[in-house]
Each structure stands twice: as structure tokens, then as C-alpha cells.
PDB file of N, CA and C in Angstrom:
ATOM      1  N   MET A   1       0.841  -1.176   0.000  1.00  0.00           N
ATOM      2  CA  MET A   1       0.000   0.000   0.000  1.00  0.00           C
ATOM      3  C   MET A   1       0.890   1.244   0.000  1.00  0.00           C
ATOM      4  N   ALA A   2       0.490   2.255  -0.762  1.00  0.00           N
ATOM      5  CA  ALA A   2       1.297   3.464  -0.898  1.00  0.00           C
ATOM      6  C   ALA A   2       1.212   4.320   0.357  1.00  0.00           C
ATOM      7  N   VAL A   3       2.329   4.904   0.734  1.00  0.00           N
ATOM      8  CA  VAL A   3       2.422   5.777   1.891  1.00  0.00           C
ATOM      9  C   VAL A   3       2.993   7.106   1.420  1.00  0.00           C
ATOM     10  N   PRO A   4       2.408   8.249   1.855  1.00  0.00           N
ATOM     11  CA  PRO A   4       2.941   9.543   1.430  1.00  0.00           C
ATOM     12  C   PRO A   4       4.392   9.715   1.865  1.00  0.00           C
ATOM     13  N   PHE A   5       5.225  10.219   0.966  1.00  0.00           N
ATOM     14  CA  PHE A   5       6.644  10.410   1.269  1.00  0.00           C
ATOM     15  C   PHE A   5       6.834  11.568   2.241  1.00  0.00           C
ATOM     16  N   ARG A   6       6.038  12.644   2.045  1.00  0.00           N
ATOM     17  CA  ARG A   6       6.146  13.804   2.925  1.00  0.00           C
ATOM     18  C   ARG A   6       4.773  14.150   3.502  1.00  0.00           C
ATOM     19  N   ARG A   7       4.805  14.789   4.644  1.00  0.00           N
ATOM     20  CA  ARG A   7       3.581  15.223   5.291  1.00  0.00           C
ATOM     21  C   ARG A   7       2.953  16.367   4.495  1.00  0.00           C
ATOM     22  N   THR A   8       1.619  16.376   4.384  1.00  0.00           N
ATOM     23  CA  THR A   8       0.930  17.473   3.714  1.00  0.00           C
ATOM     24  C   THR A   8       0.886  18.671   4.652  1.00  0.00           C
ATOM     25  N   SER A   9       1.331  19.817   4.175  1.00  0.00           N
ATOM     26  CA  SER A   9       1.389  21.007   5.021  1.00  0.00           C
ATOM     27  C   SER A   9      -0.019  21.548   5.296  1.00  0.00           C
ATOM     28  N   LYS A  10      -0.123  22.396   6.302  1.00  0.00           N
ATOM     29  CA  LYS A  10      -1.407  23.002   6.646  1.00  0.00           C
ATOM     30  C   LYS A  10      -1.938  23.849   5.491  1.00  0.00           C
ATOM     31  N   THR A  11      -1.048  24.543   4.832  1.00  0.00           N
ATOM     32  CA  THR A  11      -1.455  25.396   3.722  1.00  0.00           C
ATOM     33  C   THR A  11      -2.027  24.574   2.582  1.00  0.00           C
ATOM     34  N   LYS A  12      -1.346  23.517   2.207  1.00  0.00           N
ATOM     35  CA  LYS A  12      -1.825  22.665   1.119  1.00  0.00           C
ATOM     36  C   LYS A  12      -3.150  21.994   1.482  1.00  0.00           C
ATOM     37  N   LYS A  13      -3.255  21.559   2.727  1.00  0.00           N
ATOM     38  CA  LYS A  13      -4.481  20.921   3.179  1.00  0.00           C
ATOM     39  C   LYS A  13      -5.649  21.903   3.120  1.00  0.00           C
ATOM     40  N   ASN A  14      -5.431  23.138   3.590  1.00  0.00           N
ATOM     41  CA  ASN A  14      -6.478  24.147   3.578  1.00  0.00           C
ATOM     42  C   ASN A  14      -6.820  24.600   2.165  1.00  0.00           C
ATOM     43  N   MET A  15      -5.823  24.656   1.280  1.00  0.00           N
ATOM     44  CA  MET A  15      -6.094  25.012  -0.115  1.00  0.00           C
ATOM     45  C   MET A  15      -6.969  23.954  -0.784  1.00  0.00           C
ATOM     46  N   ARG A  16      -6.780  22.718  -0.436  1.00  0.00           N
ATOM     47  CA  ARG A  16      -7.569  21.634  -1.004  1.00  0.00           C
ATOM     48  C   ARG A  16      -9.008  21.686  -0.493  1.00  0.00           C
ATOM     49  N   ARG A  17      -9.190  22.156   0.722  1.00  0.00           N
ATOM     50  CA  ARG A  17     -10.498  22.136   1.355  1.00  0.00           C
ATOM     51  C   ARG A  17     -11.281  23.444   1.245  1.00  0.00           C
ATOM     52  N   THR A  18     -10.851  24.370   0.428  1.00  0.00           N
ATOM     53  CA  THR A  18     -11.520  25.666   0.354  1.00  0.00           C
ATOM     54  C   THR A  18     -12.953  25.555  -0.144  1.00  0.00           C
ATOM     55  N   HIS A  19     -13.262  24.603  -0.980  1.00  0.00           N
ATOM     56  CA  HIS A  19     -14.615  24.468  -1.525  1.00  0.00           C
ATOM     57  C   HIS A  19     -15.541  23.663  -0.619  1.00  0.00           C
ATOM     58  N   LEU A  20     -15.066  23.185   0.533  1.00  0.00           N
ATOM     59  CA  LEU A  20     -15.879  22.372   1.419  1.00  0.00           C
ATOM     60  C   LEU A  20     -16.617  23.186   2.482  1.00  0.00           C
ATOM     61  N   LYS A  21     -16.538  24.503   2.411  1.00  0.00           N
ATOM     62  CA  LYS A  21     -17.167  25.329   3.432  1.00  0.00           C
ATOM     63  C   LYS A  21     -18.692  25.324   3.279  1.00  0.00           C
ATOM     64  N   LYS A  22     -19.379  25.578   4.376  1.00  0.00           N
ATOM     65  CA  LYS A  22     -20.837  25.639   4.364  1.00  0.00           C
ATOM     66  C   LYS A  22     -21.279  27.019   3.921  1.00  0.00           C
ATOM     67  N   GLU A  23     -22.447  27.048   3.294  1.00  0.00           N
ATOM     68  CA  GLU A  23     -23.008  28.316   2.835  1.00  0.00           C
ATOM     69  C   GLU A  23     -24.334  28.566   3.541  1.00  0.00           C
ATOM     70  N   VAL A  24     -24.661  29.826   3.710  1.00  0.00           N
ATOM     71  CA  VAL A  24     -25.915  30.207   4.324  1.00  0.00           C
ATOM     72  C   VAL A  24     -27.025  30.037   3.297  1.00  0.00           C
ATOM     73  N   GLY A  25     -28.114  29.407   3.702  1.00  0.00           N
ATOM     74  CA  GLY A  25     -29.243  29.220   2.808  1.00  0.00           C
ATOM     75  C   GLY A  25     -29.973  30.524   2.546  1.00  0.00           C
ATOM     76  N   ALA A  26     -30.760  30.544   1.482  1.00  0.00           N
ATOM     77  CA  ALA A  26     -31.499  31.745   1.114  1.00  0.00           C
ATOM     78  C   ALA A  26     -32.667  31.950   2.072  1.00  0.00           C
ATOM     79  N   ILE A  27     -32.886  33.193   2.465  1.00  0.00           N
ATOM     80  CA  ILE A  27     -34.001  33.546   3.338  1.00  0.00           C
ATOM     81  C   ILE A  27     -34.696  34.759   2.735  1.00  0.00           C
ATOM     82  N   THR A  28     -36.015  34.679   2.615  1.00  0.00           N
ATOM     83  CA  THR A  28     -36.806  35.802   2.126  1.00  0.00           C
ATOM     84  C   THR A  28     -37.748  36.244   3.239  1.00  0.00           C
ATOM     85  N   THR A  29     -38.526  37.277   2.980  1.00  0.00           N
ATOM     86  CA  THR A  29     -39.501  37.750   3.955  1.00  0.00           C
ATOM     87  C   THR A  29     -40.898  37.581   3.384  1.00  0.00           C
ATOM     88  N   CYS A  30     -41.840  37.304   4.256  1.00  0.00           N
ATOM     89  CA  CYS A  30     -43.238  37.146   3.859  1.00  0.00           C
ATOM     90  C   CYS A  30     -43.773  38.509   3.432  1.00  0.00           C
ATOM     91  N   PRO A  31     -44.410  38.607   2.263  1.00  0.00           N
ATOM     92  CA  PRO A  31     -44.908  39.914   1.826  1.00  0.00           C
ATOM     93  C   PRO A  31     -46.076  40.427   2.671  1.00  0.00           C
ATOM     94  N   LYS A  32     -46.783  39.531   3.367  1.00  0.00           N
ATOM     95  CA  LYS A  32     -47.936  39.953   4.161  1.00  0.00           C
ATOM     96  C   LYS A  32     -47.545  40.367   5.574  1.00  0.00           C
ATOM     97  N   CYS A  33     -46.802  39.491   6.281  1.00  0.00           N
ATOM     98  CA  CYS A  33     -46.492  39.779   7.690  1.00  0.00           C
ATOM     99  C   CYS A  33     -45.027  40.153   7.923  1.00  0.00           C
ATOM    100  N   GLY A  34     -44.154  39.898   6.955  1.00  0.00           N
ATOM    101  CA  GLY A  34     -42.753  40.277   7.095  1.00  0.00           C
ATOM    102  C   GLY A  34     -41.904  39.280   7.855  1.00  0.00           C
ATOM    103  N   ALA A  35     -42.434  38.099   8.132  1.00  0.00           N
ATOM    104  CA  ALA A  35     -41.672  37.085   8.856  1.00  0.00           C
ATOM    105  C   ALA A  35     -40.632  36.452   7.941  1.00  0.00           C
ATOM    106  N   PRO A  36     -39.454  36.104   8.460  1.00  0.00           N
ATOM    107  CA  PRO A  36     -38.445  35.452   7.616  1.00  0.00           C
ATOM    108  C   PRO A  36     -38.844  34.007   7.324  1.00  0.00           C
ATOM    109  N   LEU A  37     -38.635  33.574   6.071  1.00  0.00           N
ATOM    110  CA  LEU A  37     -38.955  32.206   5.693  1.00  0.00           C
ATOM    111  C   LEU A  37     -38.106  31.796   4.505  1.00  0.00           C
ATOM    112  N   ARG A  38     -38.027  30.497   4.261  1.00  0.00           N
ATOM    113  CA  ARG A  38     -37.284  29.973   3.117  1.00  0.00           C
ATOM    114  C   ARG A  38     -38.125  30.107   1.866  1.00  0.00           C
ATOM    115  N   PRO A  39     -37.509  30.262   0.701  1.00  0.00           N
ATOM    116  CA  PRO A  39     -38.270  30.457  -0.530  1.00  0.00           C
ATOM    117  C   PRO A  39     -39.139  29.251  -0.880  1.00  0.00           C
ATOM    118  N   HIS A  40     -40.252  29.521  -1.538  1.00  0.00           N
ATOM    119  CA  HIS A  40     -41.178  28.505  -2.050  1.00  0.00           C
ATOM    120  C   HIS A  40     -41.793  27.670  -0.940  1.00  0.00           C
ATOM    121  N   ARG A  41     -42.056  28.297   0.206  1.00  0.00           N
ATOM    122  CA  ARG A  41     -42.715  27.615   1.316  1.00  0.00           C
ATOM    123  C   ARG A  41     -43.776  28.537   1.905  1.00  0.00           C
ATOM    124  N   ALA A  42     -44.816  27.938   2.463  1.00  0.00           N
ATOM    125  CA  ALA A  42     -45.873  28.722   3.086  1.00  0.00           C
ATOM    126  C   ALA A  42     -45.353  29.348   4.377  1.00  0.00           C
ATOM    127  N   CYS A  43     -45.842  30.526   4.681  1.00  0.00           N
ATOM    128  CA  CYS A  43     -45.439  31.241   5.895  1.00  0.00           C
ATOM    129  C   CYS A  43     -46.044  30.545   7.104  1.00  0.00           C
ATOM    130  N   THR A  44     -45.233  30.276   8.105  1.00  0.00           N
ATOM    131  CA  THR A  44     -45.728  29.602   9.300  1.00  0.00           C
ATOM    132  C   THR A  44     -46.438  30.565  10.247  1.00  0.00           C
ATOM    133  N   LYS A  45     -46.223  31.860  10.103  1.00  0.00           N
ATOM    134  CA  LYS A  45     -46.855  32.843  10.989  1.00  0.00           C
ATOM    135  C   LYS A  45     -48.269  33.183  10.536  1.00  0.00           C
ATOM    136  N   CYS A  46     -48.431  33.501   9.238  1.00  0.00           N
ATOM    137  CA  CYS A  46     -49.750  33.912   8.756  1.00  0.00           C
ATOM    138  C   CYS A  46     -50.413  32.864   7.861  1.00  0.00           C
ATOM    139  N   GLY A  47     -49.676  31.876   7.351  1.00  0.00           N
ATOM    140  CA  GLY A  47     -50.253  30.800   6.555  1.00  0.00           C
ATOM    141  C   GLY A  47     -50.453  31.130   5.096  1.00  0.00           C
ATOM    142  N   ASN A  48     -49.858  32.190   4.598  1.00  0.00           N
ATOM    143  CA  ASN A  48     -50.030  32.571   3.197  1.00  0.00           C
ATOM    144  C   ASN A  48     -48.932  32.005   2.317  1.00  0.00           C
ATOM    145  N   TYR A  49     -49.295  31.734   1.059  1.00  0.00           N
ATOM    146  CA  TYR A  49     -48.326  31.332   0.045  1.00  0.00           C
ATOM    147  C   TYR A  49     -48.793  31.902  -1.283  1.00  0.00           C
ATOM    148  N   LYS A  50     -47.979  32.749  -1.877  1.00  0.00           N
ATOM    149  CA  LYS A  50     -48.293  33.421  -3.141  1.00  0.00           C
ATOM    150  C   LYS A  50     -49.623  34.173  -3.075  1.00  0.00           C
ATOM    151  N   GLY A  51     -49.870  34.829  -1.942  1.00  0.00           N
ATOM    152  CA  GLY A  51     -51.063  35.654  -1.805  1.00  0.00           C
ATOM    153  C   GLY A  51     -52.325  34.899  -1.448  1.00  0.00           C
ATOM    154  N   GLU A  52     -52.259  33.600  -1.234  1.00  0.00           N
ATOM    155  CA  GLU A  52     -53.441  32.819  -0.880  1.00  0.00           C
ATOM    156  C   GLU A  52     -53.265  32.194   0.503  1.00  0.00           C
ATOM    157  N   GLN A  53     -54.357  32.069   1.231  1.00  0.00           N
ATOM    158  CA  GLN A  53     -54.346  31.434   2.546  1.00  0.00           C
ATOM    159  C   GLN A  53     -54.348  29.921   2.343  1.00  0.00           C
ATOM    160  N   VAL A  54     -53.242  29.255   2.719  1.00  0.00           N
ATOM    161  CA  VAL A  54     -53.131  27.810   2.514  1.00  0.00           C
ATOM    162  C   VAL A  54     -53.014  27.042   3.819  1.00  0.00           C
ATOM    163  N   LEU A  55     -52.667  27.713   4.912  1.00  0.00           N
ATOM    164  CA  LEU A  55     -52.564  27.064   6.215  1.00  0.00           C
ATOM    165  C   LEU A  55     -53.442  27.785   7.219  1.00  0.00           C
ATOM    166  N   ALA A  56     -54.096  27.005   8.077  1.00  0.00           N
ATOM    167  CA  ALA A  56     -54.877  27.616   9.149  1.00  0.00           C
ATOM    168  C   ALA A  56     -53.935  27.909  10.311  1.00  0.00           C
ATOM    169  N   THR A  57     -54.026  29.118  10.845  1.00  0.00           N
ATOM    170  CA  THR A  57     -53.177  29.499  11.972  1.00  0.00           C
ATOM    171  C   THR A  57     -54.048  29.654  13.214  1.00  0.00           C
ATOM    172  N   LYS A  58     -53.441  29.741  14.376  1.00  0.00           N
ATOM    173  CA  LYS A  58     -54.166  29.847  15.636  1.00  0.00           C
ATOM    174  C   LYS A  58     -54.911  31.176  15.743  1.00  0.00           C
ATOM    175  N   ASP A  59     -54.426  32.226  15.073  1.00  0.00           N
ATOM    176  CA  ASP A  59     -55.056  33.529  15.124  1.00  0.00           C
ATOM    177  C   ASP A  59     -56.434  33.510  14.475  1.00  0.00           C
ATOM    178  N   GLU A  60     -56.622  32.663  13.477  1.00  0.00           N
ATOM    179  CA  GLU A  60     -57.883  32.631  12.742  1.00  0.00           C
ATOM    180  C   GLU A  60     -58.963  31.846  13.484  1.00  0.00           C
ATOM    181  N   ASN A  61     -58.575  30.857  14.266  1.00  0.00           N
ATOM    182  CA  ASN A  61     -59.556  29.981  14.925  1.00  0.00           C
ATOM    183  C   ASN A  61     -60.253  30.660  16.060  1.00  0.00           C
TER     184      ASN A  61
END
């Protein structure tokens, strides 16, 4: 089995791993109530999606 001849330096290791970092997901705001939410999902605060009421919330009951 092959064994590395020299140790990989910290710089080389970090240069190799630059693309492995995590990214922050996209967050939008609800046009009706202004609550933060992920795109293409119904708002959990007011229950709206694309201007229509799709979820029943506790405020309505």
C-alpha cells in the first residue's frame, strides 16, 4: 500500500479544502407579515403562500 513520502502542510491541506465550506441558505420575507422564511414555502406565521391562505393558523380559529 502506498504511503505519502512527505507530510501534507497546513497550507496545502487548507487550499484543497476551500470548496468544502458551508453556505448560508437563502431567506426571504413574507410579503404579508414580514416574517423570515425559506423560498417557495408557506409562511408559518400567517399561513399565506403566493397571496393565498393555505394554512390555518391559531389567530384565525
